[in-house]
Amino acid sequence: QELICTDGLVLRTTRMKQILGLQDVGGEKTVVAEAGVTVGELNRWLHARGYTLSAGTLEFRDATLAGAVATAAHGSTLAESSVLSSRVRGLW
């Protein structure tokens, strides 16, 4: 694939599209989602339940969670960190 700048391993997350739900982790509501879910899909899912990632999330809604975390994607806010990976509580 000439658009991918590597001779190494490429992970496709196209089948990892589930948002598994909300959990209480250390007194904080935490969403459990797979790597291929896009930021836009997660924002819509959270909005339908009265939640949000925060005011400083990405404008590029087609980025997958894995891609956004791996590239240190960020939004824009002075109130708090807008780097999406700063909101990650765990990977498995």
PDB file of N, CA and C in Angstrom:
ATOM      1  N   GLN A   1       0.863  -1.167   0.000  1.00  0.00           N
ATOM      2  CA  GLN A   1       0.000   0.000   0.000  1.00  0.00           C
ATOM      3  C   GLN A   1       0.905   1.223   0.000  1.00  0.00           C
ATOM      4  N   GLU A   2       0.915   1.980  -1.063  1.00  0.00           N
ATOM      5  CA  GLU A   2       1.847   3.104  -1.196  1.00  0.00           C
ATOM      6  C   GLU A   2       1.525   4.294  -0.290  1.00  0.00           C
ATOM      7  N   LEU A   3       0.314   4.370   0.268  1.00  0.00           N
ATOM      8  CA  LEU A   3      -0.032   5.478   1.151  1.00  0.00           C
ATOM      9  C   LEU A   3       0.475   5.285   2.577  1.00  0.00           C
ATOM     10  N   ILE A   4       0.905   4.071   2.896  1.00  0.00           N
ATOM     11  CA  ILE A   4       1.387   3.769   4.238  1.00  0.00           C
ATOM     12  C   ILE A   4       2.908   3.808   4.226  1.00  0.00           C
ATOM     13  N   CYS A   5       3.472   4.636   5.052  1.00  0.00           N
ATOM     14  CA  CYS A   5       4.918   4.876   5.054  1.00  0.00           C
ATOM     15  C   CYS A   5       5.650   3.913   5.974  1.00  0.00           C
ATOM     16  N   THR A   6       5.595   2.621   5.656  1.00  0.00           N
ATOM     17  CA  THR A   6       6.333   1.641   6.448  1.00  0.00           C
ATOM     18  C   THR A   6       6.540   0.367   5.635  1.00  0.00           C
ATOM     19  N   ASP A   7       7.623  -0.299   5.938  1.00  0.00           N
ATOM     20  CA  ASP A   7       7.847  -1.645   5.415  1.00  0.00           C
ATOM     21  C   ASP A   7       7.491  -2.658   6.498  1.00  0.00           C
ATOM     22  N   GLY A   8       7.030  -2.163   7.640  1.00  0.00           N
ATOM     23  CA  GLY A   8       6.730  -3.004   8.789  1.00  0.00           C
ATOM     24  C   GLY A   8       5.291  -3.462   8.818  1.00  0.00           C
ATOM     25  N   LEU A   9       4.852  -3.788   9.982  1.00  0.00           N
ATOM     26  CA  LEU A   9       3.523  -4.324  10.235  1.00  0.00           C
ATOM     27  C   LEU A   9       2.477  -3.212  10.244  1.00  0.00           C
ATOM     28  N   VAL A  10       1.338  -3.460   9.617  1.00  0.00           N
ATOM     29  CA  VAL A  10       0.217  -2.528   9.624  1.00  0.00           C
ATOM     30  C   VAL A  10      -0.973  -3.228  10.274  1.00  0.00           C
ATOM     31  N   LEU A  11      -1.567  -2.594  11.255  1.00  0.00           N
ATOM     32  CA  LEU A  11      -2.740  -3.159  11.918  1.00  0.00           C
ATOM     33  C   LEU A  11      -3.995  -2.501  11.365  1.00  0.00           C
ATOM     34  N   ARG A  12      -4.926  -3.300  10.923  1.00  0.00           N
ATOM     35  CA  ARG A  12      -6.211  -2.779  10.458  1.00  0.00           C
ATOM     36  C   ARG A  12      -7.220  -2.954  11.585  1.00  0.00           C
ATOM     37  N   THR A  13      -7.925  -1.895  11.887  1.00  0.00           N
ATOM     38  CA  THR A  13      -8.882  -1.924  12.991  1.00  0.00           C
ATOM     39  C   THR A  13     -10.326  -1.884  12.483  1.00  0.00           C
ATOM     40  N   THR A  14     -10.529  -2.160  11.205  1.00  0.00           N
ATOM     41  CA  THR A  14     -11.853  -2.016  10.602  1.00  0.00           C
ATOM     42  C   THR A  14     -12.906  -2.942  11.206  1.00  0.00           C
ATOM     43  N   ARG A  15     -12.501  -4.037  11.800  1.00  0.00           N
ATOM     44  CA  ARG A  15     -13.473  -4.940  12.436  1.00  0.00           C
ATOM     45  C   ARG A  15     -13.595  -4.707  13.940  1.00  0.00           C
ATOM     46  N   MET A  16     -12.861  -3.770  14.451  1.00  0.00           N
ATOM     47  CA  MET A  16     -12.867  -3.494  15.891  1.00  0.00           C
ATOM     48  C   MET A  16     -13.683  -2.235  16.124  1.00  0.00           C
ATOM     49  N   LYS A  17     -14.999  -2.342  15.950  1.00  0.00           N
ATOM     50  CA  LYS A  17     -15.877  -1.178  15.905  1.00  0.00           C
ATOM     51  C   LYS A  17     -16.914  -1.123  17.024  1.00  0.00           C
ATOM     52  N   GLN A  18     -16.752  -1.907  18.062  1.00  0.00           N
ATOM     53  CA  GLN A  18     -17.777  -1.942  19.105  1.00  0.00           C
ATOM     54  C   GLN A  18     -17.500  -0.958  20.236  1.00  0.00           C
ATOM     55  N   ILE A  19     -18.565  -0.326  20.681  1.00  0.00           N
ATOM     56  CA  ILE A  19     -18.529   0.444  21.928  1.00  0.00           C
ATOM     57  C   ILE A  19     -19.224  -0.444  22.945  1.00  0.00           C
ATOM     58  N   LEU A  20     -18.476  -0.920  23.915  1.00  0.00           N
ATOM     59  CA  LEU A  20     -18.953  -1.973  24.810  1.00  0.00           C
ATOM     60  C   LEU A  20     -19.755  -1.452  25.993  1.00  0.00           C
ATOM     61  N   GLY A  21     -19.626  -0.176  26.316  1.00  0.00           N
ATOM     62  CA  GLY A  21     -20.438   0.378  27.389  1.00  0.00           C
ATOM     63  C   GLY A  21     -19.659   1.278  28.313  1.00  0.00           C
ATOM     64  N   LEU A  22     -20.354   1.709  29.360  1.00  0.00           N
ATOM     65  CA  LEU A  22     -19.765   2.556  30.395  1.00  0.00           C
ATOM     66  C   LEU A  22     -19.492   1.728  31.642  1.00  0.00           C
ATOM     67  N   GLN A  23     -18.363   2.001  32.291  1.00  0.00           N
ATOM     68  CA  GLN A  23     -18.017   1.354  33.548  1.00  0.00           C
ATOM     69  C   GLN A  23     -17.611   2.424  34.548  1.00  0.00           C
ATOM     70  N   ASP A  24     -17.757   2.116  35.821  1.00  0.00           N
ATOM     71  CA  ASP A  24     -17.282   2.996  36.874  1.00  0.00           C
ATOM     72  C   ASP A  24     -15.875   2.549  37.245  1.00  0.00           C
ATOM     73  N   VAL A  25     -14.887   3.402  36.984  1.00  0.00           N
ATOM     74  CA  VAL A  25     -13.493   3.078  37.289  1.00  0.00           C
ATOM     75  C   VAL A  25     -12.972   4.136  38.250  1.00  0.00           C
ATOM     76  N   GLY A  26     -12.759   3.742  39.485  1.00  0.00           N
ATOM     77  CA  GLY A  26     -12.249   4.677  40.483  1.00  0.00           C
ATOM     78  C   GLY A  26     -13.158   5.876  40.700  1.00  0.00           C
ATOM     79  N   GLY A  27     -14.466   5.661  40.633  1.00  0.00           N
ATOM     80  CA  GLY A  27     -15.421   6.738  40.833  1.00  0.00           C
ATOM     81  C   GLY A  27     -15.621   7.614  39.603  1.00  0.00           C
ATOM     82  N   GLU A  28     -15.058   7.209  38.478  1.00  0.00           N
ATOM     83  CA  GLU A  28     -15.146   7.990  37.243  1.00  0.00           C
ATOM     84  C   GLU A  28     -15.827   7.151  36.163  1.00  0.00           C
ATOM     85  N   LYS A  29     -16.834   7.706  35.493  1.00  0.00           N
ATOM     86  CA  LYS A  29     -17.476   7.001  34.385  1.00  0.00           C
ATOM     87  C   LYS A  29     -16.465   6.866  33.257  1.00  0.00           C
ATOM     88  N   THR A  30     -16.282   5.646  32.780  1.00  0.00           N
ATOM     89  CA  THR A  30     -15.294   5.346  31.758  1.00  0.00           C
ATOM     90  C   THR A  30     -15.957   4.536  30.660  1.00  0.00           C
ATOM     91  N   VAL A  31     -15.750   4.941  29.414  1.00  0.00           N
ATOM     92  CA  VAL A  31     -16.316   4.217  28.287  1.00  0.00           C
ATOM     93  C   VAL A  31     -15.311   3.168  27.821  1.00  0.00           C
ATOM     94  N   VAL A  32     -15.818   1.987  27.478  1.00  0.00           N
ATOM     95  CA  VAL A  32     -14.990   0.908  26.953  1.00  0.00           C
ATOM     96  C   VAL A  32     -15.323   0.773  25.472  1.00  0.00           C
ATOM     97  N   ALA A  33     -14.310   0.985  24.633  1.00  0.00           N
ATOM     98  CA  ALA A  33     -14.518   0.964  23.186  1.00  0.00           C
ATOM     99  C   ALA A  33     -13.326   0.307  22.505  1.00  0.00           C
ATOM    100  N   GLU A  34     -13.588  -0.277  21.348  1.00  0.00           N
ATOM    101  CA  GLU A  34     -12.531  -0.929  20.590  1.00  0.00           C
ATOM    102  C   GLU A  34     -11.763   0.077  19.727  1.00  0.00           C
ATOM    103  N   ALA A  35     -10.601  -0.336  19.281  1.00  0.00           N
ATOM    104  CA  ALA A  35      -9.644   0.534  18.596  1.00  0.00           C
ATOM    105  C   ALA A  35     -10.149   1.144  17.295  1.00  0.00           C
ATOM    106  N   GLY A  36     -11.056   0.476  16.585  1.00  0.00           N
ATOM    107  CA  GLY A  36     -11.515   0.962  15.289  1.00  0.00           C
ATOM    108  C   GLY A  36     -12.686   1.917  15.332  1.00  0.00           C
ATOM    109  N   VAL A  37     -13.215   2.180  16.504  1.00  0.00           N
ATOM    110  CA  VAL A  37     -14.299   3.156  16.652  1.00  0.00           C
ATOM    111  C   VAL A  37     -13.727   4.531  16.327  1.00  0.00           C
ATOM    112  N   THR A  38     -14.449   5.328  15.555  1.00  0.00           N
ATOM    113  CA  THR A  38     -13.951   6.676  15.252  1.00  0.00           C
ATOM    114  C   THR A  38     -14.323   7.643  16.372  1.00  0.00           C
ATOM    115  N   VAL A  39     -13.608   8.740  16.418  1.00  0.00           N
ATOM    116  CA  VAL A  39     -13.891   9.776  17.407  1.00  0.00           C
ATOM    117  C   VAL A  39     -15.321  10.280  17.238  1.00  0.00           C
ATOM    118  N   GLY A  40     -15.754  10.445  15.985  1.00  0.00           N
ATOM    119  CA  GLY A  40     -17.121  10.887  15.722  1.00  0.00           C
ATOM    120  C   GLY A  40     -18.159   9.896  16.216  1.00  0.00           C
ATOM    121  N   GLU A  41     -17.929   8.601  15.972  1.00  0.00           N
ATOM    122  CA  GLU A  41     -18.863   7.571  16.448  1.00  0.00           C
ATOM    123  C   GLU A  41     -18.938   7.578  17.969  1.00  0.00           C
ATOM    124  N   LEU A  42     -17.796   7.686  18.616  1.00  0.00           N
ATOM    125  CA  LEU A  42     -17.781   7.695  20.081  1.00  0.00           C
ATOM    126  C   LEU A  42     -18.471   8.943  20.622  1.00  0.00           C
ATOM    127  N   ASN A  43     -18.205  10.091  20.017  1.00  0.00           N
ATOM    128  CA  ASN A  43     -18.872  11.319  20.465  1.00  0.00           C
ATOM    129  C   ASN A  43     -20.391  11.220  20.334  1.00  0.00           C
ATOM    130  N   ARG A  44     -20.877  10.672  19.216  1.00  0.00           N
ATOM    131  CA  ARG A  44     -22.329  10.513  19.036  1.00  0.00           C
ATOM    132  C   ARG A  44     -22.905   9.545  20.069  1.00  0.00           C
ATOM    133  N   TRP A  45     -22.224   8.440  20.324  1.00  0.00           N
ATOM    134  CA  TRP A  45     -22.670   7.440  21.297  1.00  0.00           C
ATOM    135  C   TRP A  45     -22.727   8.073  22.691  1.00  0.00           C
ATOM    136  N   LEU A  46     -21.681   8.791  23.061  1.00  0.00           N
ATOM    137  CA  LEU A  46     -21.651   9.445  24.370  1.00  0.00           C
ATOM    138  C   LEU A  46     -22.734  10.508  24.486  1.00  0.00           C
ATOM    139  N   HIS A  47     -22.906  11.312  23.448  1.00  0.00           N
ATOM    140  CA  HIS A  47     -23.915  12.374  23.460  1.00  0.00           C
ATOM    141  C   HIS A  47     -25.314  11.805  23.695  1.00  0.00           C
ATOM    142  N   ALA A  48     -25.613  10.675  23.074  1.00  0.00           N
ATOM    143  CA  ALA A  48     -26.925  10.044  23.227  1.00  0.00           C
ATOM    144  C   ALA A  48     -27.176   9.614  24.675  1.00  0.00           C
ATOM    145  N   ARG A  49     -26.111   9.496  25.460  1.00  0.00           N
ATOM    146  CA  ARG A  49     -26.224   9.064  26.854  1.00  0.00           C
ATOM    147  C   ARG A  49     -25.931  10.193  27.838  1.00  0.00           C
ATOM    148  N   GLY A  50     -25.787  11.407  27.314  1.00  0.00           N
ATOM    149  CA  GLY A  50     -25.563  12.563  28.177  1.00  0.00           C
ATOM    150  C   GLY A  50     -24.122  12.793  28.576  1.00  0.00           C
ATOM    151  N   TYR A  51     -23.171  12.248  27.833  1.00  0.00           N
ATOM    152  CA  TYR A  51     -21.745  12.400  28.133  1.00  0.00           C
ATOM    153  C   TYR A  51     -21.015  12.996  26.936  1.00  0.00           C
ATOM    154  N   THR A  52     -19.759  13.353  27.155  1.00  0.00           N
ATOM    155  CA  THR A  52     -18.901  13.872  26.098  1.00  0.00           C
ATOM    156  C   THR A  52     -17.449  13.537  26.419  1.00  0.00           C
ATOM    157  N   LEU A  53     -16.598  13.542  25.401  1.00  0.00           N
ATOM    158  CA  LEU A  53     -15.161  13.381  25.658  1.00  0.00           C
ATOM    159  C   LEU A  53     -14.613  14.626  26.325  1.00  0.00           C
ATOM    160  N   SER A  54     -15.033  15.776  25.903  1.00  0.00           N
ATOM    161  CA  SER A  54     -14.754  17.082  26.510  1.00  0.00           C
ATOM    162  C   SER A  54     -14.816  18.151  25.438  1.00  0.00           C
ATOM    163  N   ALA A  55     -14.647  19.389  25.840  1.00  0.00           N
ATOM    164  CA  ALA A  55     -14.743  20.515  24.910  1.00  0.00           C
ATOM    165  C   ALA A  55     -13.584  20.563  23.933  1.00  0.00           C
ATOM    166  N   GLY A  56     -12.472  19.956  24.261  1.00  0.00           N
ATOM    167  CA  GLY A  56     -11.287  20.073  23.416  1.00  0.00           C
ATOM    168  C   GLY A  56     -11.007  18.873  22.547  1.00  0.00           C
ATOM    169  N   THR A  57     -12.025  18.145  22.124  1.00  0.00           N
ATOM    170  CA  THR A  57     -11.774  16.956  21.317  1.00  0.00           C
ATOM    171  C   THR A  57     -11.510  17.308  19.860  1.00  0.00           C
ATOM    172  N   LEU A  58     -11.071  16.345  19.134  1.00  0.00           N
ATOM    173  CA  LEU A  58     -10.649  16.517  17.741  1.00  0.00           C
ATOM    174  C   LEU A  58     -11.747  17.048  16.837  1.00  0.00           C
ATOM    175  N   GLU A  59     -11.360  17.861  15.902  1.00  0.00           N
ATOM    176  CA  GLU A  59     -12.282  18.284  14.846  1.00  0.00           C
ATOM    177  C   GLU A  59     -12.356  17.219  13.755  1.00  0.00           C
ATOM    178  N   PHE A  60     -11.287  16.432  13.611  1.00  0.00           N
ATOM    179  CA  PHE A  60     -11.252  15.375  12.600  1.00  0.00           C
ATOM    180  C   PHE A  60     -11.946  14.143  13.163  1.00  0.00           C
ATOM    181  N   ARG A  61     -13.220  14.015  12.917  1.00  0.00           N
ATOM    182  CA  ARG A  61     -14.046  12.977  13.536  1.00  0.00           C
ATOM    183  C   ARG A  61     -13.857  11.587  12.943  1.00  0.00           C
ATOM    184  N   ASP A  62     -13.179  11.472  11.781  1.00  0.00           N
ATOM    185  CA  ASP A  62     -12.997  10.166  11.153  1.00  0.00           C
ATOM    186  C   ASP A  62     -11.789   9.410  11.685  1.00  0.00           C
ATOM    187  N   ALA A  63     -11.005  10.019  12.540  1.00  0.00           N
ATOM    188  CA  ALA A  63      -9.853   9.327  13.132  1.00  0.00           C
ATOM    189  C   ALA A  63     -10.346   8.213  14.041  1.00  0.00           C
ATOM    190  N   THR A  64      -9.724   7.050  13.947  1.00  0.00           N
ATOM    191  CA  THR A  64     -10.075   5.976  14.877  1.00  0.00           C
ATOM    192  C   THR A  64      -9.442   6.271  16.230  1.00  0.00           C
ATOM    193  N   LEU A  65      -9.971   5.640  17.259  1.00  0.00           N
ATOM    194  CA  LEU A  65      -9.395   5.827  18.593  1.00  0.00           C
ATOM    195  C   LEU A  65      -7.931   5.395  18.604  1.00  0.00           C
ATOM    196  N   ALA A  66      -7.634   4.257  17.978  1.00  0.00           N
ATOM    197  CA  ALA A  66      -6.242   3.776  17.936  1.00  0.00           C
ATOM    198  C   ALA A  66      -5.350   4.763  17.203  1.00  0.00           C
ATOM    199  N   GLY A  67      -5.804   5.269  16.071  1.00  0.00           N
ATOM    200  CA  GLY A  67      -5.012   6.218  15.300  1.00  0.00           C
ATOM    201  C   GLY A  67      -4.812   7.528  16.043  1.00  0.00           C
ATOM    202  N   ALA A  68      -5.853   8.014  16.687  1.00  0.00           N
ATOM    203  CA  ALA A  68      -5.760   9.276  17.427  1.00  0.00           C
ATOM    204  C   ALA A  68      -4.804   9.149  18.615  1.00  0.00           C
ATOM    205  N   VAL A  69      -4.862   8.023  19.312  1.00  0.00           N
ATOM    206  CA  VAL A  69      -3.971   7.812  20.450  1.00  0.00           C
ATOM    207  C   VAL A  69      -2.529   7.628  19.964  1.00  0.00           C
ATOM    208  N   ALA A  70      -2.334   6.849  18.911  1.00  0.00           N
ATOM    209  CA  ALA A  70      -0.990   6.563  18.408  1.00  0.00           C
ATOM    210  C   ALA A  70      -0.285   7.794  17.857  1.00  0.00           C
ATOM    211  N   THR A  71      -1.033   8.754  17.352  1.00  0.00           N
ATOM    212  CA  THR A  71      -0.425   9.940  16.753  1.00  0.00           C
ATOM    213  C   THR A  71      -0.491  11.175  17.651  1.00  0.00           C
ATOM    214  N   ALA A  72      -0.930  11.000  18.887  1.00  0.00           N
ATOM    215  CA  ALA A  72      -1.055  12.108  19.844  1.00  0.00           C
ATOM    216  C   ALA A  72      -1.974  13.203  19.318  1.00  0.00           C
ATOM    217  N   ALA A  73      -3.038  12.794  18.649  1.00  0.00           N
ATOM    218  CA  ALA A  73      -4.008  13.757  18.120  1.00  0.00           C
ATOM    219  C   ALA A  73      -4.621  14.554  19.268  1.00  0.00           C
ATOM    220  N   HIS A  74      -4.964  15.811  18.968  1.00  0.00           N
ATOM    221  CA  HIS A  74      -5.483  16.678  20.019  1.00  0.00           C
ATOM    222  C   HIS A  74      -6.464  17.681  19.459  1.00  0.00           C
ATOM    223  N   GLY A  75      -7.270  18.203  20.354  1.00  0.00           N
ATOM    224  CA  GLY A  75      -8.186  19.285  20.033  1.00  0.00           C
ATOM    225  C   GLY A  75      -7.561  20.590  20.471  1.00  0.00           C
ATOM    226  N   SER A  76      -8.406  21.525  20.878  1.00  0.00           N
ATOM    227  CA  SER A  76      -7.894  22.840  21.278  1.00  0.00           C
ATOM    228  C   SER A  76      -8.705  23.370  22.456  1.00  0.00           C
ATOM    229  N   THR A  77      -8.066  23.495  23.592  1.00  0.00           N
ATOM    230  CA  THR A  77      -8.682  24.094  24.769  1.00  0.00           C
ATOM    231  C   THR A  77      -7.590  24.515  25.741  1.00  0.00           C
ATOM    232  N   LEU A  78      -7.836  25.570  26.471  1.00  0.00           N
ATOM    233  CA  LEU A  78      -6.900  26.000  27.507  1.00  0.00           C
ATOM    234  C   LEU A  78      -7.286  25.455  28.873  1.00  0.00           C
ATOM    235  N   ALA A  79      -8.493  24.903  28.973  1.00  0.00           N
ATOM    236  CA  ALA A  79      -9.028  24.464  30.260  1.00  0.00           C
ATOM    237  C   ALA A  79      -8.402  23.166  30.770  1.00  0.00           C
ATOM    238  N   GLU A  80      -7.977  22.292  29.853  1.00  0.00           N
ATOM    239  CA  GLU A  80      -7.450  20.981  30.233  1.00  0.00           C
ATOM    240  C   GLU A  80      -6.669  20.406  29.070  1.00  0.00           C
ATOM    241  N   SER A  81      -6.033  19.272  29.277  1.00  0.00           N
ATOM    242  CA  SER A  81      -5.321  18.625  28.176  1.00  0.00           C
ATOM    243  C   SER A  81      -6.322  18.217  27.103  1.00  0.00           C
ATOM    244  N   SER A  82      -6.002  18.519  25.860  1.00  0.00           N
ATOM    245  CA  SER A  82      -6.881  18.122  24.762  1.00  0.00           C
ATOM    246  C   SER A  82      -6.284  16.979  23.955  1.00  0.00           C
ATOM    247  N   VAL A  83      -5.197  16.383  24.442  1.00  0.00           N
ATOM    248  CA  VAL A  83      -4.602  15.218  23.787  1.00  0.00           C
ATOM    249  C   VAL A  83      -5.466  14.007  24.143  1.00  0.00           C
ATOM    250  N   LEU A  84      -6.019  13.359  23.115  1.00  0.00           N
ATOM    251  CA  LEU A  84      -6.960  12.268  23.356  1.00  0.00           C
ATOM    252  C   LEU A  84      -6.364  11.176  24.235  1.00  0.00           C
ATOM    253  N   SER A  85      -5.092  10.867  24.054  1.00  0.00           N
ATOM    254  CA  SER A  85      -4.473   9.795  24.848  1.00  0.00           C
ATOM    255  C   SER A  85      -4.456  10.111  26.347  1.00  0.00           C
ATOM    256  N   SER A  86      -4.575  11.384  26.723  1.00  0.00           N
ATOM    257  CA  SER A  86      -4.615  11.727  28.151  1.00  0.00           C
ATOM    258  C   SER A  86      -5.893  11.239  28.815  1.00  0.00           C
ATOM    259  N   ARG A  87      -6.884  10.841  28.023  1.00  0.00           N
ATOM    260  CA  ARG A  87      -8.149  10.339  28.561  1.00  0.00           C
ATOM    261  C   ARG A  87      -8.197   8.808  28.621  1.00  0.00           C
ATOM    262  N   VAL A  88      -7.177   8.162  28.096  1.00  0.00           N
ATOM    263  CA  VAL A  88      -7.138   6.693  28.087  1.00  0.00           C
ATOM    264  C   VAL A  88      -6.789   6.194  29.483  1.00  0.00           C
ATOM    265  N   ARG A  89      -7.584   5.248  29.974  1.00  0.00           N
ATOM    266  CA  ARG A  89      -7.373   4.688  31.308  1.00  0.00           C
ATOM    267  C   ARG A  89      -6.776   3.290  31.266  1.00  0.00           C
ATOM    268  N   GLY A  90      -6.798   2.659  30.092  1.00  0.00           N
ATOM    269  CA  GLY A  90      -6.226   1.327  29.971  1.00  0.00           C
ATOM    270  C   GLY A  90      -6.353   0.780  28.577  1.00  0.00           C
ATOM    271  N   LEU A  91      -5.490  -0.159  28.243  1.00  0.00           N
ATOM    272  CA  LEU A  91      -5.523  -0.885  26.972  1.00  0.00           C
ATOM    273  C   LEU A  91      -5.407  -2.367  27.279  1.00  0.00           C
ATOM    274  N   TRP A  92      -6.112  -3.165  26.517  1.00  0.00           N
ATOM    275  CA  TRP A  92      -5.969  -4.612  26.685  1.00  0.00           C
ATOM    276  C   TRP A  92      -6.257  -5.317  25.412  1.00  0.00           C
TER     277      TRP A  92
END
